[in-house]
C-alpha cells in the first residue's frame, strides 16, 4: 500500500483507514483537527482521476471523494500515528514504519549495485 506519486513514497488516506480499521473521514478529521502537525511537506491532495489511475494499476476497487484524497509521505504517516490512539493504530504504525525503513534500505542497496 505504499505507492510512488511525483517521485514520493506515499500512503493514501483510504488505505490507512483500512489498516487502522477506521473510516477514511476519521483520518482526514485527524489532519483537520491538528493542522500544526501536518505541514505541506507531510501530505498532499490528489484528485479522483489520479487516485483512480493509481488504483487501477493495482486492480483494486475505486471509490470517489468530493474533496479528492490525501497522500501521506512517511513523516505524515508517522504524525498520524501519534494522533490515532488505539492498540490497532500502534501495531499498524510500527509495521508501516518498519516497511518504509526496509524500502529505503532496499532502494539504497540496489542503487549501490548499479
PDB file of N, CA and C in Angstrom:
ATOM      1  N   UNK A   1       0.810  -1.204   0.000  1.00  0.00           N
ATOM      2  CA  UNK A   1       0.000   0.000   0.000  1.00  0.00           C
ATOM      3  C   UNK A   1       0.852   1.267   0.000  1.00  0.00           C
ATOM      4  N   UNK A   2       2.114   1.115  -0.276  1.00  0.00           N
ATOM      5  CA  UNK A   2       2.987   2.277  -0.432  1.00  0.00           C
ATOM      6  C   UNK A   2       3.184   2.494  -1.922  1.00  0.00           C
ATOM      7  N   UNK A   3       2.827   3.671  -2.387  1.00  0.00           N
ATOM      8  CA  UNK A   3       2.868   4.000  -3.805  1.00  0.00           C
ATOM      9  C   UNK A   3       3.890   5.097  -4.043  1.00  0.00           C
ATOM     10  N   UNK A   4       4.235   5.275  -5.309  1.00  0.00           N
ATOM     11  CA  UNK A   4       5.082   6.405  -5.672  1.00  0.00           C
ATOM     12  C   UNK A   4       4.252   7.375  -6.493  1.00  0.00           C
ATOM     13  N   UNK A   5       4.167   8.603  -6.010  1.00  0.00           N
ATOM     14  CA  UNK A   5       3.464   9.679  -6.708  1.00  0.00           C
ATOM     15  C   UNK A   5       4.405  10.868  -6.759  1.00  0.00           C
ATOM     16  N   UNK A   6       4.649  11.371  -7.943  1.00  0.00           N
ATOM     17  CA  UNK A   6       5.551  12.506  -8.131  1.00  0.00           C
ATOM     18  C   UNK A   6       6.906  12.276  -7.473  1.00  0.00           C
ATOM     19  N   UNK A   7       7.392  11.049  -7.556  1.00  0.00           N
ATOM     20  CA  UNK A   7       8.700  10.719  -7.003  1.00  0.00           C
ATOM     21  C   UNK A   7       8.734  10.564  -5.493  1.00  0.00           C
ATOM     22  N   UNK A   8       7.566  10.592  -4.851  1.00  0.00           N
ATOM     23  CA  UNK A   8       7.493  10.456  -3.392  1.00  0.00           C
ATOM     24  C   UNK A   8       6.815   9.148  -3.032  1.00  0.00           C
ATOM     25  N   UNK A   9       7.332   8.476  -2.024  1.00  0.00           N
ATOM     26  CA  UNK A   9       6.702   7.264  -1.500  1.00  0.00           C
ATOM     27  C   UNK A   9       5.593   7.713  -0.544  1.00  0.00           C
ATOM     28  N   UNK A  10       4.361   7.267  -0.829  1.00  0.00           N
ATOM     29  CA  UNK A  10       3.218   7.734  -0.057  1.00  0.00           C
ATOM     30  C   UNK A  10       2.253   6.603   0.275  1.00  0.00           C
ATOM     31  N   UNK A  11       1.402   6.876   1.232  1.00  0.00           N
ATOM     32  CA  UNK A  11       0.259   6.024   1.538  1.00  0.00           C
ATOM     33  C   UNK A  11      -0.985   6.883   1.446  1.00  0.00           C
ATOM     34  N   UNK A  12      -2.061   6.308   0.926  1.00  0.00           N
ATOM     35  CA  UNK A  12      -3.303   7.046   0.745  1.00  0.00           C
ATOM     36  C   UNK A  12      -4.187   6.972   1.988  1.00  0.00           C
ATOM     37  N   UNK A  13      -4.974   8.032   2.191  1.00  0.00           N
ATOM     38  CA  UNK A  13      -5.867   8.090   3.344  1.00  0.00           C
ATOM     39  C   UNK A  13      -6.799   6.882   3.407  1.00  0.00           C
ATOM     40  N   UNK A  14      -7.323   6.459   2.276  1.00  0.00           N
ATOM     41  CA  UNK A  14      -8.257   5.328   2.262  1.00  0.00           C
ATOM     42  C   UNK A  14      -7.567   4.022   2.663  1.00  0.00           C
ATOM     43  N   UNK A  15      -6.317   3.840   2.248  1.00  0.00           N
ATOM     44  CA  UNK A  15      -5.579   2.642   2.637  1.00  0.00           C
ATOM     45  C   UNK A  15      -5.219   2.669   4.116  1.00  0.00           C
ATOM     46  N   UNK A  16      -4.808   3.829   4.601  1.00  0.00           N
ATOM     47  CA  UNK A  16      -4.502   3.960   6.023  1.00  0.00           C
ATOM     48  C   UNK A  16      -5.739   3.691   6.865  1.00  0.00           C
ATOM     49  N   UNK A  17      -6.892   4.170   6.403  1.00  0.00           N
ATOM     50  CA  UNK A  17      -8.141   3.933   7.130  1.00  0.00           C
ATOM     51  C   UNK A  17      -8.426   2.435   7.241  1.00  0.00           C
ATOM     52  N   UNK A  18      -8.212   1.706   6.155  1.00  0.00           N
ATOM     53  CA  UNK A  18      -8.416   0.249   6.195  1.00  0.00           C
ATOM     54  C   UNK A  18      -7.464  -0.404   7.189  1.00  0.00           C
ATOM     55  N   UNK A  19      -6.201  -0.006   7.141  1.00  0.00           N
ATOM     56  CA  UNK A  19      -5.217  -0.588   8.051  1.00  0.00           C
ATOM     57  C   UNK A  19      -5.528  -0.282   9.512  1.00  0.00           C
ATOM     58  N   UNK A  20      -5.969   0.955   9.770  1.00  0.00           N
ATOM     59  CA  UNK A  20      -6.264   1.370  11.138  1.00  0.00           C
ATOM     60  C   UNK A  20      -7.672   0.984  11.592  1.00  0.00           C
ATOM     61  N   UNK A  21      -8.437   0.394  10.646  1.00  0.00           N
ATOM     62  CA  UNK A  21      -9.795  -0.037  10.943  1.00  0.00           C
ATOM     63  C   UNK A  21     -10.698   1.122  11.368  1.00  0.00           C
ATOM     64  N   UNK A  22     -10.593   2.222  10.622  1.00  0.00           N
ATOM     65  CA  UNK A  22     -11.452   3.397  10.833  1.00  0.00           C
ATOM     66  C   UNK A  22     -11.959   3.865   9.473  1.00  0.00           C
ATOM     67  N   UNK A  23     -12.921   4.760   9.478  1.00  0.00           N
ATOM     68  CA  UNK A  23     -13.402   5.342   8.234  1.00  0.00           C
ATOM     69  C   UNK A  23     -12.383   6.368   7.734  1.00  0.00           C
ATOM     70  N   UNK A  24     -12.330   6.535   6.416  1.00  0.00           N
ATOM     71  CA  UNK A  24     -11.405   7.498   5.818  1.00  0.00           C
ATOM     72  C   UNK A  24     -11.639   8.892   6.384  1.00  0.00           C
ATOM     73  N   UNK A  25     -12.903   9.222   6.639  1.00  0.00           N
ATOM     74  CA  UNK A  25     -13.178  10.564   7.166  1.00  0.00           C
ATOM     75  C   UNK A  25     -12.530  10.779   8.530  1.00  0.00           C
ATOM     76  N   UNK A  26     -12.302   9.725   9.291  1.00  0.00           N
ATOM     77  CA  UNK A  26     -11.620   9.866  10.591  1.00  0.00           C
ATOM     78  C   UNK A  26     -10.150  10.235  10.398  1.00  0.00           C
ATOM     79  N   UNK A  27      -9.546   9.688   9.363  1.00  0.00           N
ATOM     80  CA  UNK A  27      -8.152  10.043   9.060  1.00  0.00           C
ATOM     81  C   UNK A  27      -8.075  11.529   8.722  1.00  0.00           C
ATOM     82  N   UNK A  28      -8.970  11.969   7.848  1.00  0.00           N
ATOM     83  CA  UNK A  28      -8.954  13.368   7.416  1.00  0.00           C
ATOM     84  C   UNK A  28      -9.378  14.316   8.532  1.00  0.00           C
ATOM     85  N   UNK A  29     -10.242  13.868   9.434  1.00  0.00           N
ATOM     86  CA  UNK A  29     -10.597  14.694  10.600  1.00  0.00           C
ATOM     87  C   UNK A  29      -9.382  14.885  11.501  1.00  0.00           C
ATOM     88  N   UNK A  30      -8.581  13.844  11.663  1.00  0.00           N
ATOM     89  CA  UNK A  30      -7.377  13.947  12.494  1.00  0.00           C
ATOM     90  C   UNK A  30      -6.437  15.015  11.943  1.00  0.00           C
ATOM     91  N   UNK A  31      -6.318  15.048  10.616  1.00  0.00           N
ATOM     92  CA  UNK A  31      -5.471  16.059   9.969  1.00  0.00           C
ATOM     93  C   UNK A  31      -6.083  17.446  10.168  1.00  0.00           C
ATOM     94  N   UNK A  32      -7.374  17.559   9.905  1.00  0.00           N
ATOM     95  CA  UNK A  32      -8.054  18.851  10.019  1.00  0.00           C
ATOM     96  C   UNK A  32      -7.990  19.397  11.447  1.00  0.00           C
ATOM     97  N   UNK A  33      -8.099  18.526  12.435  1.00  0.00           N
ATOM     98  CA  UNK A  33      -8.103  18.953  13.834  1.00  0.00           C
ATOM     99  C   UNK A  33      -6.708  19.210  14.397  1.00  0.00           C
ATOM    100  N   UNK A  34      -5.678  18.850  13.646  1.00  0.00           N
ATOM    101  CA  UNK A  34      -4.297  19.029  14.105  1.00  0.00           C
ATOM    102  C   UNK A  34      -3.420  19.603  12.997  1.00  0.00           C
ATOM    103  N   UNK A  35      -3.801  20.744  12.428  1.00  0.00           N
ATOM    104  CA  UNK A  35      -3.053  21.272  11.271  1.00  0.00           C
ATOM    105  C   UNK A  35      -1.590  21.575  11.571  1.00  0.00           C
ATOM    106  N   UNK A  36      -1.265  21.898  12.795  1.00  0.00           N
ATOM    107  CA  UNK A  36       0.118  22.216  13.143  1.00  0.00           C
ATOM    108  C   UNK A  36       1.032  20.990  13.041  1.00  0.00           C
ATOM    109  N   UNK A  37       0.454  19.810  13.055  1.00  0.00           N
ATOM    110  CA  UNK A  37       1.242  18.583  12.975  1.00  0.00           C
ATOM    111  C   UNK A  37       1.424  18.078  11.538  1.00  0.00           C
ATOM    112  N   UNK A  38       0.783  18.752  10.586  1.00  0.00           N
ATOM    113  CA  UNK A  38       0.816  18.292   9.203  1.00  0.00           C
ATOM    114  C   UNK A  38       1.198  19.410   8.234  1.00  0.00           C
ATOM    115  N   UNK A  39       2.481  19.795   8.223  1.00  0.00           N
ATOM    116  CA  UNK A  39       2.911  20.789   7.231  1.00  0.00           C
ATOM    117  C   UNK A  39       2.747  20.205   5.823  1.00  0.00           C
ATOM    118  N   UNK A  40       2.742  21.066   4.838  1.00  0.00           N
ATOM    119  CA  UNK A  40       2.511  20.657   3.453  1.00  0.00           C
ATOM    120  C   UNK A  40       3.464  19.554   2.987  1.00  0.00           C
ATOM    121  N   UNK A  41       4.660  19.524   3.515  1.00  0.00           N
ATOM    122  CA  UNK A  41       5.615  18.513   3.061  1.00  0.00           C
ATOM    123  C   UNK A  41       5.283  17.114   3.604  1.00  0.00           C
ATOM    124  N   UNK A  42       4.313  16.988   4.530  1.00  0.00           N
ATOM    125  CA  UNK A  42       3.923  15.700   5.099  1.00  0.00           C
ATOM    126  C   UNK A  42       2.771  15.040   4.355  1.00  0.00           C
ATOM    127  N   UNK A  43       2.033  15.818   3.571  1.00  0.00           N
ATOM    128  CA  UNK A  43       0.897  15.267   2.846  1.00  0.00           C
ATOM    129  C   UNK A  43       0.509  16.173   1.704  1.00  0.00           C
ATOM    130  N   UNK A  44      -0.245  15.638   0.765  1.00  0.00           N
ATOM    131  CA  UNK A  44      -0.768  16.459  -0.326  1.00  0.00           C
ATOM    132  C   UNK A  44      -2.024  15.805  -0.852  1.00  0.00           C
ATOM    133  N   UNK A  45      -2.830  16.590  -1.535  1.00  0.00           N
ATOM    134  CA  UNK A  45      -4.091  16.117  -2.092  1.00  0.00           C
ATOM    135  C   UNK A  45      -3.874  15.595  -3.501  1.00  0.00           C
ATOM    136  N   UNK A  46      -4.577  14.521  -3.832  1.00  0.00           N
ATOM    137  CA  UNK A  46      -4.600  14.045  -5.203  1.00  0.00           C
ATOM    138  C   UNK A  46      -6.055  14.039  -5.659  1.00  0.00           C
ATOM    139  N   UNK A  47      -6.262  14.147  -6.938  1.00  0.00           N
ATOM    140  CA  UNK A  47      -7.616  14.191  -7.485  1.00  0.00           C
ATOM    141  C   UNK A  47      -8.178  12.778  -7.605  1.00  0.00           C
ATOM    142  N   UNK A  48      -9.493  12.693  -7.808  1.00  0.00           N
ATOM    143  CA  UNK A  48     -10.113  11.390  -8.049  1.00  0.00           C
ATOM    144  C   UNK A  48      -9.515  10.722  -9.273  1.00  0.00           C
ATOM    145  N   UNK A  49      -9.217  11.517 -10.297  1.00  0.00           N
ATOM    146  CA  UNK A  49      -8.645  10.961 -11.522  1.00  0.00           C
ATOM    147  C   UNK A  49      -7.283  10.320 -11.224  1.00  0.00           C
ATOM    148  N   UNK A  50      -6.433  11.014 -10.468  1.00  0.00           N
ATOM    149  CA  UNK A  50      -5.130  10.470 -10.094  1.00  0.00           C
ATOM    150  C   UNK A  50      -5.291   9.222  -9.223  1.00  0.00           C
ATOM    151  N   UNK A  51      -6.227   9.302  -8.294  1.00  0.00           N
ATOM    152  CA  UNK A  51      -6.492   8.186  -7.384  1.00  0.00           C
ATOM    153  C   UNK A  51      -6.950   6.960  -8.167  1.00  0.00           C
ATOM    154  N   UNK A  52      -7.926   7.135  -9.057  1.00  0.00           N
ATOM    155  CA  UNK A  52      -8.458   6.017  -9.828  1.00  0.00           C
ATOM    156  C   UNK A  52      -7.410   5.430 -10.758  1.00  0.00           C
ATOM    157  N   UNK A  53      -6.569   6.281 -11.326  1.00  0.00           N
ATOM    158  CA  UNK A  53      -5.489   5.811 -12.184  1.00  0.00           C
ATOM    159  C   UNK A  53      -4.514   4.957 -11.377  1.00  0.00           C
ATOM    160  N   UNK A  54      -4.164   5.431 -10.203  1.00  0.00           N
ATOM    161  CA  UNK A  54      -3.244   4.703  -9.340  1.00  0.00           C
ATOM    162  C   UNK A  54      -3.847   3.371  -8.919  1.00  0.00           C
ATOM    163  N   UNK A  55      -5.088   3.393  -8.480  1.00  0.00           N
ATOM    164  CA  UNK A  55      -5.739   2.178  -8.009  1.00  0.00           C
ATOM    165  C   UNK A  55      -5.961   1.181  -9.137  1.00  0.00           C
ATOM    166  N   UNK A  56      -6.230   1.664 -10.350  1.00  0.00           N
ATOM    167  CA  UNK A  56      -6.470   0.745 -11.467  1.00  0.00           C
ATOM    168  C   UNK A  56      -5.206  -0.021 -11.830  1.00  0.00           C
ATOM    169  N   UNK A  57      -4.058   0.557 -11.546  1.00  0.00           N
ATOM    170  CA  UNK A  57      -2.793  -0.114 -11.845  1.00  0.00           C
ATOM    171  C   UNK A  57      -2.581  -1.344 -10.971  1.00  0.00           C
ATOM    172  N   UNK A  58      -3.213  -1.360  -9.804  1.00  0.00           N
ATOM    173  CA  UNK A  58      -3.029  -2.498  -8.903  1.00  0.00           C
ATOM    174  C   UNK A  58      -4.311  -3.299  -8.743  1.00  0.00           C
ATOM    175  N   UNK A  59      -5.294  -3.040  -9.607  1.00  0.00           N
ATOM    176  CA  UNK A  59      -6.539  -3.809  -9.671  1.00  0.00           C
ATOM    177  C   UNK A  59      -7.279  -3.887  -8.343  1.00  0.00           C
ATOM    178  N   UNK A  60      -7.467  -2.762  -7.718  1.00  0.00           N
ATOM    179  CA  UNK A  60      -8.284  -2.747  -6.513  1.00  0.00           C
ATOM    180  C   UNK A  60      -9.498  -1.875  -6.770  1.00  0.00           C
ATOM    181  N   UNK A  61     -10.414  -1.896  -5.827  1.00  0.00           N
ATOM    182  CA  UNK A  61     -11.647  -1.145  -6.016  1.00  0.00           C
ATOM    183  C   UNK A  61     -11.385   0.346  -6.009  1.00  0.00           C
ATOM    184  N   UNK A  62     -12.274   1.064  -6.671  1.00  0.00           N
ATOM    185  CA  UNK A  62     -12.181   2.512  -6.745  1.00  0.00           C
ATOM    186  C   UNK A  62     -13.319   3.109  -5.934  1.00  0.00           C
ATOM    187  N   UNK A  63     -13.059   4.237  -5.331  1.00  0.00           N
ATOM    188  CA  UNK A  63     -14.140   4.949  -4.661  1.00  0.00           C
ATOM    189  C   UNK A  63     -13.910   6.441  -4.857  1.00  0.00           C
ATOM    190  N   UNK A  64     -14.974   7.168  -4.945  1.00  0.00           N
ATOM    191  CA  UNK A  64     -14.869   8.600  -5.181  1.00  0.00           C
ATOM    192  C   UNK A  64     -14.877   9.382  -3.887  1.00  0.00           C
ATOM    193  N   UNK A  65     -14.485  10.626  -4.002  1.00  0.00           N
ATOM    194  CA  UNK A  65     -14.487  11.525  -2.862  1.00  0.00           C
ATOM    195  C   UNK A  65     -14.771  12.923  -3.378  1.00  0.00           C
ATOM    196  N   UNK A  66     -15.588  13.638  -2.654  1.00  0.00           N
ATOM    197  CA  UNK A  66     -15.885  15.002  -3.088  1.00  0.00           C
ATOM    198  C   UNK A  66     -14.662  15.904  -3.016  1.00  0.00           C
ATOM    199  N   UNK A  67     -13.753  15.635  -2.126  1.00  0.00           N
ATOM    200  CA  UNK A  67     -12.599  16.509  -1.922  1.00  0.00           C
ATOM    201  C   UNK A  67     -11.296  15.931  -2.474  1.00  0.00           C
ATOM    202  N   UNK A  68     -11.348  14.795  -3.116  1.00  0.00           N
ATOM    203  CA  UNK A  68     -10.115  14.150  -3.531  1.00  0.00           C
ATOM    204  C   UNK A  68      -9.597  13.282  -2.400  1.00  0.00           C
ATOM    205  N   UNK A  69      -8.371  12.888  -2.481  1.00  0.00           N
ATOM    206  CA  UNK A  69      -7.781  12.000  -1.484  1.00  0.00           C
ATOM    207  C   UNK A  69      -6.478  12.604  -0.983  1.00  0.00           C
ATOM    208  N   UNK A  70      -6.098  12.195   0.209  1.00  0.00           N
ATOM    209  CA  UNK A  70      -4.867  12.680   0.808  1.00  0.00           C
ATOM    210  C   UNK A  70      -3.796  11.609   0.689  1.00  0.00           C
ATOM    211  N   UNK A  71      -2.626  12.015   0.220  1.00  0.00           N
ATOM    212  CA  UNK A  71      -1.462  11.139   0.152  1.00  0.00           C
ATOM    213  C   UNK A  71      -0.500  11.587   1.248  1.00  0.00           C
ATOM    214  N   UNK A  72      -0.111  10.660   2.109  1.00  0.00           N
ATOM    215  CA  UNK A  72       0.783  10.944   3.227  1.00  0.00           C
ATOM    216  C   UNK A  72       2.175  10.416   2.920  1.00  0.00           C
ATOM    217  N   UNK A  73       3.189  11.270   3.053  1.00  0.00           N
ATOM    218  CA  UNK A  73       4.567  10.795   2.971  1.00  0.00           C
ATOM    219  C   UNK A  73       4.897  10.143   4.311  1.00  0.00           C
ATOM    220  N   UNK A  74       6.062   9.555   4.400  1.00  0.00           N
ATOM    221  CA  UNK A  74       6.431   8.802   5.610  1.00  0.00           C
ATOM    222  C   UNK A  74       6.247   9.609   6.895  1.00  0.00           C
ATOM    223  N   UNK A  75       6.709  10.861   6.893  1.00  0.00           N
ATOM    224  CA  UNK A  75       6.591  11.676   8.099  1.00  0.00           C
ATOM    225  C   UNK A  75       5.119  11.943   8.448  1.00  0.00           C
ATOM    226  N   UNK A  76       4.287  12.090   7.438  1.00  0.00           N
ATOM    227  CA  UNK A  76       2.856  12.301   7.666  1.00  0.00           C
ATOM    228  C   UNK A  76       2.192  11.072   8.258  1.00  0.00           C
ATOM    229  N   UNK A  77       2.604   9.894   7.782  1.00  0.00           N
ATOM    230  CA  UNK A  77       2.073   8.645   8.344  1.00  0.00           C
ATOM    231  C   UNK A  77       2.470   8.541   9.806  1.00  0.00           C
ATOM    232  N   UNK A  78       3.710   8.864  10.094  1.00  0.00           N
ATOM    233  CA  UNK A  78       4.172   8.810  11.483  1.00  0.00           C
ATOM    234  C   UNK A  78       3.393   9.787  12.354  1.00  0.00           C
ATOM    235  N   UNK A  79       3.204  11.002  11.882  1.00  0.00           N
ATOM    236  CA  UNK A  79       2.473  12.001  12.654  1.00  0.00           C
ATOM    237  C   UNK A  79       1.034  11.549  12.890  1.00  0.00           C
ATOM    238  N   UNK A  80       0.426  10.962  11.881  1.00  0.00           N
ATOM    239  CA  UNK A  80      -0.924  10.435  12.037  1.00  0.00           C
ATOM    240  C   UNK A  80      -0.957   9.382  13.135  1.00  0.00           C
ATOM    241  N   UNK A  81       0.062   8.568  13.194  1.00  0.00           N
ATOM    242  CA  UNK A  81       0.137   7.523  14.221  1.00  0.00           C
ATOM    243  C   UNK A  81       0.188   8.102  15.625  1.00  0.00           C
ATOM    244  N   UNK A  82       0.752   9.294  15.771  1.00  0.00           N
ATOM    245  CA  UNK A  82       0.817   9.907  17.103  1.00  0.00           C
ATOM    246  C   UNK A  82      -0.536  10.441  17.554  1.00  0.00           C
ATOM    247  N   UNK A  83      -1.448  10.610  16.603  1.00  0.00           N
ATOM    248  CA  UNK A  83      -2.774  11.155  16.912  1.00  0.00           C
ATOM    249  C   UNK A  83      -3.790  10.048  17.152  1.00  0.00           C
ATOM    250  N   UNK A  84      -3.733   9.000  16.327  1.00  0.00           N
ATOM    251  CA  UNK A  84      -4.689   7.901  16.466  1.00  0.00           C
ATOM    252  C   UNK A  84      -4.287   7.035  17.656  1.00  0.00           C
ATOM    253  N   UNK A  85      -5.154   6.949  18.618  1.00  0.00           N
ATOM    254  CA  UNK A  85      -4.833   6.241  19.860  1.00  0.00           C
ATOM    255  C   UNK A  85      -5.651   4.954  19.971  1.00  0.00           C
ATOM    256  N   UNK A  86      -5.035   3.857  19.615  1.00  0.00           N
ATOM    257  CA  UNK A  86      -5.640   2.545  19.815  1.00  0.00           C
ATOM    258  C   UNK A  86      -4.546   1.505  19.688  1.00  0.00           C
ATOM    259  N   UNK A  87      -4.812   0.313  20.183  1.00  0.00           N
ATOM    260  CA  UNK A  87      -3.835  -0.765  20.054  1.00  0.00           C
ATOM    261  C   UNK A  87      -3.586  -1.097  18.585  1.00  0.00           C
ATOM    262  N   UNK A  88      -4.646  -1.073  17.780  1.00  0.00           N
ATOM    263  CA  UNK A  88      -4.519  -1.347  16.355  1.00  0.00           C
ATOM    264  C   UNK A  88      -3.639  -0.292  15.709  1.00  0.00           C
ATOM    265  N   UNK A  89      -3.887   0.985  16.016  1.00  0.00           N
ATOM    266  CA  UNK A  89      -3.102   2.077  15.432  1.00  0.00           C
ATOM    267  C   UNK A  89      -1.624   1.935  15.784  1.00  0.00           C
ATOM    268  N   UNK A  90      -1.333   1.569  17.010  1.00  0.00           N
ATOM    269  CA  UNK A  90       0.052   1.400  17.432  1.00  0.00           C
ATOM    270  C   UNK A  90       0.723   0.274  16.663  1.00  0.00           C
ATOM    271  N   UNK A  91       0.091  -0.882  16.596  1.00  0.00           N
ATOM    272  CA  UNK A  91       0.665  -2.032  15.896  1.00  0.00           C
ATOM    273  C   UNK A  91       0.839  -1.753  14.410  1.00  0.00           C
ATOM    274  N   UNK A  92      -0.164  -1.182  13.790  1.00  0.00           N
ATOM    275  CA  UNK A  92      -0.097  -0.882  12.364  1.00  0.00           C
ATOM    276  C   UNK A  92       0.992   0.154  12.093  1.00  0.00           C
ATOM    277  N   UNK A  93       1.083   1.158  12.932  1.00  0.00           N
ATOM    278  CA  UNK A  93       2.099   2.202  12.748  1.00  0.00           C
ATOM    279  C   UNK A  93       3.505   1.627  12.801  1.00  0.00           C
ATOM    280  N   UNK A  94       3.745   0.726  13.705  1.00  0.00           N
ATOM    281  CA  UNK A  94       5.054   0.082  13.804  1.00  0.00           C
ATOM    282  C   UNK A  94       5.355  -0.679  12.514  1.00  0.00           C
ATOM    283  N   UNK A  95       4.376  -1.411  12.006  1.00  0.00           N
ATOM    284  CA  UNK A  95       4.578  -2.171  10.768  1.00  0.00           C
ATOM    285  C   UNK A  95       4.834  -1.241   9.579  1.00  0.00           C
ATOM    286  N   UNK A  96       4.091  -0.148   9.508  1.00  0.00           N
ATOM    287  CA  UNK A  96       4.275   0.798   8.404  1.00  0.00           C
ATOM    288  C   UNK A  96       5.667   1.416   8.460  1.00  0.00           C
ATOM    289  N   UNK A  97       6.096   1.857   9.623  1.00  0.00           N
ATOM    290  CA  UNK A  97       7.413   2.474   9.747  1.00  0.00           C
ATOM    291  C   UNK A  97       8.507   1.468   9.396  1.00  0.00           C
ATOM    292  N   UNK A  98       8.362   0.224   9.858  1.00  0.00           N
ATOM    293  CA  UNK A  98       9.341  -0.809   9.513  1.00  0.00           C
ATOM    294  C   UNK A  98       9.403  -1.022   8.004  1.00  0.00           C
ATOM    295  N   UNK A  99       8.262  -0.966   7.337  1.00  0.00           N
ATOM    296  CA  UNK A  99       8.207  -1.152   5.886  1.00  0.00           C
ATOM    297  C   UNK A  99       8.905  -0.012   5.165  1.00  0.00           C
ATOM    298  N   UNK A 100       8.663   1.228   5.595  1.00  0.00           N
ATOM    299  CA  UNK A 100       9.349   2.368   4.985  1.00  0.00           C
ATOM    300  C   UNK A 100      10.865   2.218   5.139  1.00  0.00           C
ATOM    301  N   UNK A 101      11.327   1.793   6.296  1.00  0.00           N
ATOM    302  CA  UNK A 101      12.766   1.620   6.531  1.00  0.00           C
ATOM    303  C   UNK A 101      13.322   0.531   5.619  1.00  0.00           C
ATOM    304  N   UNK A 102      12.609  -0.602   5.519  1.00  0.00           N
ATOM    305  CA  UNK A 102      13.059  -1.681   4.629  1.00  0.00           C
ATOM    306  C   UNK A 102      13.124  -1.204   3.179  1.00  0.00           C
ATOM    307  N   UNK A 103      12.144  -0.412   2.770  1.00  0.00           N
ATOM    308  CA  UNK A 103      12.147   0.110   1.398  1.00  0.00           C
ATOM    309  C   UNK A 103      13.369   0.987   1.155  1.00  0.00           C
ATOM    310  N   UNK A 104      13.680   1.860   2.109  1.00  0.00           N
ATOM    311  CA  UNK A 104      14.848   2.735   1.946  1.00  0.00           C
ATOM    312  C   UNK A 104      16.131   1.915   1.816  1.00  0.00           C
ATOM    313  N   UNK A 105      16.269   0.900   2.667  1.00  0.00           N
ATOM    314  CA  UNK A 105      17.460   0.050   2.611  1.00  0.00           C
ATOM    315  C   UNK A 105      17.530  -0.702   1.281  1.00  0.00           C
ATOM    316  N   UNK A 106      16.405  -1.205   0.817  1.00  0.00           N
ATOM    317  CA  UNK A 106      16.345  -1.936  -0.447  1.00  0.00           C
ATOM    318  C   UNK A 106      16.735  -1.027  -1.608  1.00  0.00           C
ATOM    319  N   UNK A 107      16.180   0.170  -1.633  1.00  0.00           N
ATOM    320  CA  UNK A 107      16.476   1.122  -2.699  1.00  0.00           C
ATOM    321  C   UNK A 107      17.959   1.518  -2.661  1.00  0.00           C
ATOM    322  N   UNK A 108      18.458   1.800  -1.479  1.00  0.00           N
ATOM    323  CA  UNK A 108      19.873   2.174  -1.343  1.00  0.00           C
ATOM    324  C   UNK A 108      20.783   1.042  -1.784  1.00  0.00           C
ATOM    325  N   UNK A 109      20.462  -0.174  -1.384  1.00  0.00           N
ATOM    326  CA  UNK A 109      21.270  -1.341  -1.758  1.00  0.00           C
ATOM    327  C   UNK A 109      21.284  -1.519  -3.272  1.00  0.00           C
ATOM    328  N   UNK A 110      20.129  -1.412  -3.905  1.00  0.00           N
ATOM    329  CA  UNK A 110      20.057  -1.583  -5.361  1.00  0.00           C
ATOM    330  C   UNK A 110      20.724  -0.438  -6.109  1.00  0.00           C
ATOM    331  N   UNK A 111      20.679   0.766  -5.574  1.00  0.00           N
ATOM    332  CA  UNK A 111      21.376   1.893  -6.200  1.00  0.00           C
ATOM    333  C   UNK A 111      22.887   1.688  -6.154  1.00  0.00           C
ATOM    334  N   UNK A 112      23.383   1.080  -5.088  1.00  0.00           N
ATOM    335  CA  UNK A 112      24.820   0.852  -4.964  1.00  0.00           C
ATOM    336  C   UNK A 112      25.311  -0.219  -5.915  1.00  0.00           C
ATOM    337  N   UNK A 113      24.426  -1.116  -6.323  1.00  0.00           N
ATOM    338  CA  UNK A 113      24.804  -2.199  -7.225  1.00  0.00           C
ATOM    339  C   UNK A 113      24.937  -1.730  -8.666  1.00  0.00           C
ATOM    340  N   UNK A 114      24.393  -0.565  -8.988  1.00  0.00           N
ATOM    341  CA  UNK A 114      24.404  -0.058 -10.374  1.00  0.00           C
ATOM    342  C   UNK A 114      25.748   0.459 -10.774  1.00  0.00           C
TER     343      UNK A 114
END
